[in-house]
Amino acid sequence: MGVEGVRIVGVLSGGGLRGYLVAVGLAGVVGTSRERSLRSYRLFAARDPRVLIGIDPQGGWGEAELVRLMAAKCGVSDDPRCVSGHDVIDPGLTVAALDAFAERVAAVARRRAPVLFGTGHPHRLIGFYAGLADALSAVGCEVLTPAQGRCVDITTRFGLRTCSLEYVRGVGFVREVGRERPGCAPGAHTHSPLPVRVALDAAAAGGGPLPELVVGDHGWVCGAGQLGFEAIGLADTDDPALFVGEAEGTVSVAVPVDDGVRSDYYTPLTRYVLNRACLSQ
């Protein structure tokens, strides 16, 4: 079935979800190139902070070890001769990780515990997290929004960028100050762990509740996990930090999925997680 023929009604089962993931490119053959993933593994092995995104790995994690880890966690090829083309994510591994993700969501819902959401992919993933935030808020969890409007200076390949920490429907992200464009979705793409560090520092300094679970991607997950908070999130094949964190116990759950497809394609994943967590949206 092609992407244009995909129409989702209700909540998909595990088998149905696997087929859907492949049909829309969230798993199966994904948009992330093998070359891009291998470059990330090389940079991670060299301890480049742009790829560590807040994780301080304890193991050696050379490039070959990372390829084997990513093959086990995501389903990418472990053949060293495979150096080009598109990467592959095993949809069965995605569904299994979503089940583990849903267990953590259900656990925090049972405790009515405070949670923090944040994304480095606001254009793509705010809707996925916002649906979870709405459901957790409805059952009595406090969805935290610390340090709203606070400035965060983030180093990018274009130099130092001053951003503001913002929240939409309880989901944190950063917006570059003075670079808003009319008609464009809000927020900037970032891998930096600085936004979650600023948010957690502000929550601690304010004397309010701290999150018992941080949900997100990129530096939001790695930065929070490195500070000792339980953290779960989504990660693409070129984001080895979350999977290393999971292997070492810093990150609770990393879900392998292409993080760059259309935002509405993630809606069935939200429904699946809420259904598995016994929550209504």
Protein backbone atom coordinates (compact mmCIF):
# COMPACT_ATOMS: atom_id res chain seq x y z
CA MET A 1 0.00 0.00 0.00
CA GLY A 2 1.37 3.41 -0.92
CA VAL A 3 1.41 6.40 1.39
CA GLU A 4 -1.50 8.07 -0.40
CA GLY A 5 -3.63 4.98 0.20
CA VAL A 6 -3.16 4.95 3.96
CA ARG A 7 -6.29 5.83 5.93
CA ILE A 8 -6.40 5.15 9.65
CA VAL A 9 -9.62 4.73 11.60
CA GLY A 10 -9.42 4.01 15.33
CA VAL A 11 -6.45 2.38 17.05
CA LEU A 12 -4.15 0.04 15.15
CA SER A 13 -3.17 -3.34 16.57
CA GLY A 14 0.49 -4.31 16.80
CA GLY A 15 0.36 -6.06 13.42
CA GLY A 16 -1.56 -3.24 11.82
CA LEU A 17 0.82 -0.70 13.24
CA ARG A 18 3.83 -2.53 11.79
CA GLY A 19 2.27 -2.32 8.33
CA TYR A 20 1.41 1.34 8.82
CA LEU A 21 4.94 2.22 9.95
CA VAL A 22 6.38 0.75 6.76
CA ALA A 23 3.71 2.29 4.52
CA VAL A 24 4.41 5.87 5.65
CA GLY A 25 8.19 5.52 6.05
CA LEU A 26 8.35 5.66 9.83
CA ALA A 27 10.03 2.25 9.71
CA GLY A 28 11.13 -0.14 6.99
CA VAL A 29 13.20 1.80 4.47
CA VAL A 30 13.42 5.30 5.98
CA GLY A 31 14.52 8.67 4.73
CA THR A 32 17.72 8.78 6.78
CA SER A 33 20.73 7.86 4.66
CA ARG A 34 23.27 5.22 5.62
CA GLU A 35 26.02 7.76 5.05
CA ARG A 36 24.45 10.17 7.55
CA SER A 37 24.04 7.46 10.18
CA LEU A 38 27.62 6.21 9.80
CA ARG A 39 28.90 9.78 10.08
CA SER A 40 26.99 10.14 13.36
CA TYR A 41 28.50 6.89 14.67
CA ARG A 42 32.01 8.11 13.81
CA LEU A 43 31.38 11.43 15.55
CA PHE A 44 29.92 9.69 18.59
CA ALA A 45 32.93 7.38 18.78
CA ALA A 46 35.11 10.53 18.74
CA ARG A 47 32.98 11.98 21.60
CA ASP A 48 31.76 14.92 19.54
CA PRO A 49 29.29 16.83 21.78
CA ARG A 50 27.07 17.57 18.78
CA VAL A 51 26.24 13.86 18.64
CA LEU A 52 26.54 13.00 22.34
CA ILE A 53 23.66 15.52 22.92
CA GLY A 54 23.99 15.41 26.69
CA ILE A 55 25.05 11.79 27.25
CA ASP A 56 28.34 11.01 28.98
CA PRO A 57 28.86 7.39 27.87
CA GLN A 58 30.64 5.00 30.21
CA GLY A 59 31.61 2.42 27.59
CA GLY A 60 34.21 2.68 24.85
CA TRP A 61 31.66 2.69 22.01
CA GLY A 62 33.80 2.57 18.90
CA GLU A 63 32.19 2.81 15.48
CA ALA A 64 31.93 -0.99 15.04
CA GLU A 65 30.28 -1.37 18.46
CA LEU A 66 27.80 1.36 17.60
CA VAL A 67 26.86 -0.31 14.33
CA ARG A 68 26.19 -3.57 16.20
CA LEU A 69 24.15 -1.73 18.85
CA MET A 70 22.08 0.11 16.26
CA ALA A 71 21.49 -3.14 14.36
CA ALA A 72 20.16 -4.72 17.56
CA LYS A 73 18.10 -1.69 18.67
CA CYS A 74 16.86 -0.38 15.31
CA GLY A 75 17.39 -3.09 12.71
CA VAL A 76 19.93 -1.24 10.57
CA SER A 77 22.42 -3.34 8.62
CA ASP A 78 25.37 -4.65 10.61
CA ASP A 79 27.31 -5.32 7.40
CA PRO A 80 30.42 -3.07 7.33
CA ARG A 81 30.26 -3.17 3.53
CA CYS A 82 26.89 -1.36 3.61
CA VAL A 83 27.98 2.27 3.41
CA SER A 84 25.37 3.95 1.19
CA GLY A 85 21.67 4.06 0.43
CA HIS A 86 18.81 4.44 2.87
CA ASP A 87 18.79 3.03 6.37
CA VAL A 88 16.25 0.46 7.53
CA ILE A 89 14.29 0.29 10.79
CA ASP A 90 12.70 -3.00 11.84
CA PRO A 91 9.00 -2.16 12.49
CA GLY A 92 8.81 -5.00 15.00
CA LEU A 93 11.47 -3.30 17.10
CA THR A 94 9.55 -0.01 16.86
CA VAL A 95 6.33 -1.60 18.10
CA ALA A 96 8.12 -3.41 20.93
CA ALA A 97 9.74 -0.13 22.01
CA LEU A 98 6.39 1.68 21.81
CA ASP A 99 4.97 -0.98 24.14
CA ALA A 100 7.77 -0.30 26.65
CA PHE A 101 7.22 3.46 26.15
CA ALA A 102 3.51 3.01 26.91
CA GLU A 103 4.34 1.11 30.11
CA ARG A 104 6.30 4.10 31.41
CA VAL A 105 3.47 6.46 30.45
CA ALA A 106 0.97 4.21 32.24
CA ALA A 107 3.15 4.07 35.35
CA VAL A 108 3.39 7.85 35.67
CA ALA A 109 -0.37 8.13 35.03
CA ARG A 110 -1.11 5.71 37.89
CA ARG A 111 1.00 7.82 40.25
CA ARG A 112 -0.52 11.10 39.00
CA ALA A 113 3.08 12.26 38.85
CA PRO A 114 4.47 15.43 37.22
CA VAL A 115 5.86 15.10 33.71
CA LEU A 116 7.92 17.24 31.34
CA PHE A 117 7.68 17.12 27.55
CA GLY A 118 10.13 18.62 25.05
CA THR A 119 11.20 18.21 21.45
CA GLY A 120 14.01 19.23 19.15
CA HIS A 121 11.66 18.56 16.21
CA PRO A 122 8.78 21.00 16.85
CA HIS A 123 7.65 21.03 13.22
CA ARG A 124 7.24 17.25 13.18
CA LEU A 125 6.66 15.93 16.68
CA ILE A 126 4.80 18.47 18.82
CA GLY A 127 1.49 16.80 17.94
CA PHE A 128 2.71 13.36 19.02
CA TYR A 129 3.81 14.61 22.45
CA ALA A 130 0.89 17.02 22.89
CA GLY A 131 -1.60 14.17 22.60
CA LEU A 132 0.21 12.35 25.40
CA ALA A 133 0.42 15.52 27.49
CA ASP A 134 -3.32 16.14 27.11
CA ALA A 135 -4.15 12.60 28.22
CA LEU A 136 -1.83 12.69 31.23
CA SER A 137 -3.14 16.09 32.28
CA ALA A 138 -6.70 14.73 32.07
CA VAL A 139 -5.92 12.00 34.62
CA GLY A 140 -4.29 14.40 37.08
CA CYS A 141 -0.62 14.55 36.10
CA GLU A 142 0.89 18.01 36.22
CA VAL A 143 2.45 18.83 32.85
CA LEU A 144 5.33 21.12 33.75
CA THR A 145 6.33 24.22 31.79
CA PRO A 146 9.33 25.61 33.71
CA ALA A 147 11.46 28.51 32.45
CA GLN A 148 8.93 29.56 29.83
CA GLY A 149 10.33 32.49 27.85
CA ARG A 150 13.83 32.01 29.27
CA CYS A 151 16.70 32.71 26.85
CA VAL A 152 18.99 29.83 25.90
CA ASP A 153 22.22 30.40 23.93
CA ILE A 154 22.79 27.40 21.66
CA THR A 155 25.88 26.84 19.52
CA THR A 156 25.00 25.73 15.98
CA ARG A 157 27.02 25.24 12.82
CA PHE A 158 26.07 28.83 11.95
CA GLY A 159 27.38 30.19 15.25
CA LEU A 160 25.81 31.09 18.57
CA ARG A 161 22.03 31.45 18.39
CA THR A 162 19.93 33.03 21.12
CA CYS A 163 16.70 31.11 21.54
CA SER A 164 13.72 31.35 23.86
CA LEU A 165 12.25 28.35 25.59
CA GLU A 166 8.56 28.06 24.71
CA TYR A 167 5.71 25.60 25.30
CA VAL A 168 2.76 24.67 23.10
CA ARG A 169 0.12 22.41 24.68
CA GLY A 170 2.64 21.52 27.36
CA VAL A 171 5.47 20.58 24.98
CA GLY A 172 8.74 22.48 25.24
CA PHE A 173 10.82 23.63 22.28
CA VAL A 174 13.07 26.55 21.37
CA ARG A 175 12.43 29.44 19.04
CA GLU A 176 15.26 31.53 17.59
CA VAL A 177 14.86 35.09 18.82
CA GLY A 178 14.23 37.53 16.00
CA ARG A 179 14.02 34.86 13.30
CA GLU A 180 10.27 34.14 13.22
CA ARG A 181 8.86 33.98 9.71
CA PRO A 182 5.16 34.62 8.97
CA GLY A 183 3.29 31.49 7.92
CA CYS A 184 5.92 29.10 9.27
CA ALA A 185 5.40 26.64 12.11
CA PRO A 186 6.99 27.77 15.37
CA GLY A 187 10.24 26.48 16.70
CA ALA A 188 13.76 25.56 15.71
CA HIS A 189 15.30 22.14 15.18
CA THR A 190 17.95 21.40 17.79
CA HIS A 191 19.84 18.47 19.29
CA SER A 192 21.09 20.51 22.24
CA PRO A 193 20.57 19.35 25.85
CA LEU A 194 20.66 22.98 27.06
CA PRO A 195 16.87 23.56 26.88
CA VAL A 196 16.06 20.69 29.24
CA ARG A 197 18.89 21.68 31.58
CA VAL A 198 17.50 25.23 31.76
CA ALA A 199 13.99 23.87 32.35
CA LEU A 200 15.07 21.47 35.10
CA ASP A 201 17.25 24.08 36.79
CA ALA A 202 14.32 26.50 36.83
CA ALA A 203 11.98 23.86 38.25
CA ALA A 204 14.46 23.08 41.03
CA ALA A 205 15.18 26.73 41.79
CA GLY A 206 11.49 27.58 41.93
CA GLY A 207 10.80 25.01 44.60
CA GLY A 208 8.02 23.44 42.52
CA PRO A 209 7.66 19.80 41.56
CA LEU A 210 10.33 18.07 39.49
CA PRO A 211 9.27 15.69 36.72
CA GLU A 212 9.12 12.00 37.48
CA LEU A 213 9.24 11.36 33.74
CA VAL A 214 10.71 13.38 30.85
CA VAL A 215 9.34 12.57 27.40
CA GLY A 216 10.85 13.84 24.17
CA ASP A 217 13.74 13.38 21.79
CA HIS A 218 17.33 14.48 21.15
CA GLY A 219 18.85 16.54 23.96
CA TRP A 220 15.62 16.64 25.98
CA VAL A 221 15.91 12.90 26.63
CA CYS A 222 19.68 12.59 26.85
CA GLY A 223 20.15 15.72 28.94
CA ALA A 224 17.45 14.70 31.42
CA GLY A 225 18.62 11.10 31.61
CA GLN A 226 22.20 12.15 32.28
CA LEU A 227 20.94 14.24 35.21
CA GLY A 228 19.23 11.21 36.71
CA PHE A 229 15.65 11.78 35.57
CA GLU A 230 13.72 8.94 33.99
CA ALA A 231 13.57 9.78 30.29
CA ILE A 232 11.92 8.16 27.28
CA GLY A 233 11.67 9.22 23.66
CA LEU A 234 11.88 8.76 19.92
CA ALA A 235 15.13 8.46 17.97
CA ASP A 236 16.20 8.04 14.35
CA THR A 237 19.01 5.84 13.07
CA ASP A 238 21.43 8.78 13.13
CA ASP A 239 20.76 9.43 16.84
CA PRO A 240 22.94 6.81 18.56
CA ALA A 241 23.06 8.72 21.86
CA LEU A 242 19.58 7.66 22.95
CA PHE A 243 20.28 4.00 22.21
CA VAL A 244 23.65 4.11 23.99
CA GLY A 245 21.85 5.76 26.90
CA GLU A 246 19.28 2.98 26.89
CA ALA A 247 22.01 0.31 26.76
CA GLU A 248 23.79 1.92 29.72
CA GLY A 249 20.64 2.64 31.74
CA THR A 250 20.69 6.43 31.40
CA VAL A 251 17.63 6.43 29.12
CA SER A 252 14.67 4.20 29.99
CA VAL A 253 13.20 3.70 26.50
CA ALA A 254 14.37 4.76 23.03
CA VAL A 255 11.87 4.13 20.22
CA PRO A 256 13.47 3.66 16.77
CA VAL A 257 11.52 5.68 14.21
CA ASP A 258 12.16 8.12 11.38
CA ASP A 259 11.78 11.52 13.06
CA GLY A 260 11.44 13.57 9.90
CA VAL A 261 8.18 12.55 8.19
CA ARG A 262 4.89 14.48 8.07
CA SER A 263 3.59 15.49 11.49
CA ASP A 264 0.19 13.85 11.01
CA TYR A 265 1.84 10.47 10.35
CA TYR A 266 2.70 10.25 14.06
CA THR A 267 -0.94 10.49 15.20
CA PRO A 268 -1.57 6.70 15.07
CA LEU A 269 1.50 6.25 17.30
CA THR A 270 -0.04 8.57 19.89
CA ARG A 271 -3.28 6.60 19.76
CA TYR A 272 -1.43 3.30 20.06
CA VAL A 273 0.56 4.45 23.12
CA LEU A 274 -2.54 5.85 24.85
CA ASN A 275 -4.47 2.66 24.16
CA ARG A 276 -1.65 0.47 25.50
CA ALA A 277 -1.37 2.75 28.54
CA CYS A 278 -5.15 2.47 29.12
CA LEU A 279 -5.61 6.21 28.69
CA SER A 280 -8.17 8.04 26.58
CA GLN A 281 -7.15 11.04 24.52
